[in-house]
């Protein structure tokens, strides 16, 4: 799995999470998230899996390359079904 630094930044911003809050969700230090976003380090596979999982669990959808944009969007809330 490959997630671009720009996708992580955009997703984190959509969720309105600070670097520290996002790092807590992923289970890594804040400095690691900052370095990944700046492209200073390439995250190990397990860290990328945790980033991907945390973003998906928080409501981020990864869109295919043929769509415009950075490749992430916030999932639309599901409509609730009222009991009849």
C-alpha atoms as a PDB file:
ATOM      1  CA  UNK A   1       0.000   0.000   0.000  1.00  0.00           C
ATOM      2  CA  UNK A   2       1.278   3.444  -0.865  1.00  0.00           C
ATOM      3  CA  UNK A   3      -0.229   6.607   0.562  1.00  0.00           C
ATOM      4  CA  UNK A   4       1.215   9.897  -0.635  1.00  0.00           C
ATOM      5  CA  UNK A   5       2.239  12.461   1.970  1.00  0.00           C
ATOM      6  CA  UNK A   6      -0.211  14.933   0.414  1.00  0.00           C
ATOM      7  CA  UNK A   7      -3.046  12.447   0.942  1.00  0.00           C
ATOM      8  CA  UNK A   8      -2.172  12.092   4.614  1.00  0.00           C
ATOM      9  CA  UNK A   9      -2.055  15.870   5.034  1.00  0.00           C
ATOM     10  CA  UNK A  10      -5.366  16.396   3.261  1.00  0.00           C
ATOM     11  CA  UNK A  11      -7.084  13.578   5.154  1.00  0.00           C
ATOM     12  CA  UNK A  12      -5.819  14.850   8.498  1.00  0.00           C
ATOM     13  CA  UNK A  13      -7.033  18.345   7.635  1.00  0.00           C
ATOM     14  CA  UNK A  14     -10.455  17.050   6.568  1.00  0.00           C
ATOM     15  CA  UNK A  15     -10.731  15.359   9.953  1.00  0.00           C
ATOM     16  CA  UNK A  16      -9.499  18.517  11.704  1.00  0.00           C
ATOM     17  CA  UNK A  17      -6.836  16.560  13.566  1.00  0.00           C
ATOM     18  CA  UNK A  18      -3.583  18.021  14.815  1.00  0.00           C
ATOM     19  CA  UNK A  19      -0.338  16.164  14.175  1.00  0.00           C
ATOM     20  CA  UNK A  20      -0.350  15.056  17.802  1.00  0.00           C
ATOM     21  CA  UNK A  21      -3.945  13.835  17.780  1.00  0.00           C
ATOM     22  CA  UNK A  22      -3.404  11.913  14.555  1.00  0.00           C
ATOM     23  CA  UNK A  23      -0.158  10.406  15.843  1.00  0.00           C
ATOM     24  CA  UNK A  24      -2.085   9.186  18.892  1.00  0.00           C
ATOM     25  CA  UNK A  25      -4.645   7.462  16.678  1.00  0.00           C
ATOM     26  CA  UNK A  26      -1.937   5.797  14.630  1.00  0.00           C
ATOM     27  CA  UNK A  27       0.239   4.913  17.621  1.00  0.00           C
ATOM     28  CA  UNK A  28       3.416   6.709  16.577  1.00  0.00           C
ATOM     29  CA  UNK A  29       5.236   9.837  17.729  1.00  0.00           C
ATOM     30  CA  UNK A  30       4.120  13.217  16.416  1.00  0.00           C
ATOM     31  CA  UNK A  31       7.556  13.750  14.864  1.00  0.00           C
ATOM     32  CA  UNK A  32       7.123  10.635  12.704  1.00  0.00           C
ATOM     33  CA  UNK A  33       3.843  11.940  11.262  1.00  0.00           C
ATOM     34  CA  UNK A  34       5.492  15.314  10.547  1.00  0.00           C
ATOM     35  CA  UNK A  35       8.453  13.668   8.795  1.00  0.00           C
ATOM     36  CA  UNK A  36       6.185  11.412   6.723  1.00  0.00           C
ATOM     37  CA  UNK A  37       4.057  14.391   5.650  1.00  0.00           C
ATOM     38  CA  UNK A  38       7.158  16.377   4.674  1.00  0.00           C
ATOM     39  CA  UNK A  39       8.513  13.419   2.706  1.00  0.00           C
ATOM     40  CA  UNK A  40      11.619  13.211   4.891  1.00  0.00           C
ATOM     41  CA  UNK A  41      11.078   9.522   5.656  1.00  0.00           C
ATOM     42  CA  UNK A  42       9.281   6.684   3.955  1.00  0.00           C
ATOM     43  CA  UNK A  43       7.039   4.971   6.456  1.00  0.00           C
ATOM     44  CA  UNK A  44       7.443   1.278   7.081  1.00  0.00           C
ATOM     45  CA  UNK A  45       4.660  -0.992   5.816  1.00  0.00           C
ATOM     46  CA  UNK A  46       3.135  -1.536   9.266  1.00  0.00           C
ATOM     47  CA  UNK A  47       2.983   2.213   9.920  1.00  0.00           C
ATOM     48  CA  UNK A  48       1.326   2.808   6.537  1.00  0.00           C
ATOM     49  CA  UNK A  49      -1.230   0.107   7.366  1.00  0.00           C
ATOM     50  CA  UNK A  50      -1.990   1.805  10.688  1.00  0.00           C
ATOM     51  CA  UNK A  51      -2.269   5.216   9.004  1.00  0.00           C
ATOM     52  CA  UNK A  52      -4.604   3.787   6.363  1.00  0.00           C
ATOM     53  CA  UNK A  53      -6.699   1.983   8.979  1.00  0.00           C
ATOM     54  CA  UNK A  54      -6.971   5.040  11.226  1.00  0.00           C
ATOM     55  CA  UNK A  55      -8.028   7.256   8.333  1.00  0.00           C
ATOM     56  CA  UNK A  56     -10.632   4.788   7.070  1.00  0.00           C
ATOM     57  CA  UNK A  57     -12.022   4.276  10.573  1.00  0.00           C
ATOM     58  CA  UNK A  58     -12.327   8.057  10.952  1.00  0.00           C
ATOM     59  CA  UNK A  59     -14.367   8.336   7.739  1.00  0.00           C
ATOM     60  CA  UNK A  60     -11.793   8.970   5.020  1.00  0.00           C
ATOM     61  CA  UNK A  61     -12.297   7.380   1.614  1.00  0.00           C
ATOM     62  CA  UNK A  62      -9.434   6.913  -0.803  1.00  0.00           C
ATOM     63  CA  UNK A  63     -10.561   7.711  -4.342  1.00  0.00           C
ATOM     64  CA  UNK A  64      -9.146   6.239  -7.524  1.00  0.00           C
ATOM     65  CA  UNK A  65      -6.504   8.054  -9.542  1.00  0.00           C
ATOM     66  CA  UNK A  66      -8.921   8.885 -12.352  1.00  0.00           C
ATOM     67  CA  UNK A  67     -10.855  11.229 -10.040  1.00  0.00           C
ATOM     68  CA  UNK A  68      -9.594  14.758  -9.570  1.00  0.00           C
ATOM     69  CA  UNK A  69      -8.082  15.893  -6.303  1.00  0.00           C
ATOM     70  CA  UNK A  70      -5.551  14.471  -3.909  1.00  0.00           C
ATOM     71  CA  UNK A  71      -7.188  11.085  -3.676  1.00  0.00           C
ATOM     72  CA  UNK A  72      -9.044  11.402  -0.363  1.00  0.00           C
ATOM     73  CA  UNK A  73     -12.436  12.626   0.708  1.00  0.00           C
ATOM     74  CA  UNK A  74     -14.596  12.528   3.789  1.00  0.00           C
ATOM     75  CA  UNK A  75     -17.239   9.829   3.574  1.00  0.00           C
ATOM     76  CA  UNK A  76     -20.761  11.179   3.503  1.00  0.00           C
ATOM     77  CA  UNK A  77     -22.750  10.304   6.606  1.00  0.00           C
ATOM     78  CA  UNK A  78     -25.193   7.486   6.084  1.00  0.00           C
ATOM     79  CA  UNK A  79     -28.838   8.423   6.219  1.00  0.00           C
ATOM     80  CA  UNK A  80     -30.506   6.968   9.248  1.00  0.00           C
ATOM     81  CA  UNK A  81     -33.389   4.624   8.722  1.00  0.00           C
ATOM     82  CA  UNK A  82     -36.297   5.443  10.961  1.00  0.00           C
ATOM     83  CA  UNK A  83     -38.225   2.635  12.597  1.00  0.00           C
ATOM     84  CA  UNK A  84     -41.646   2.062  11.141  1.00  0.00           C
END
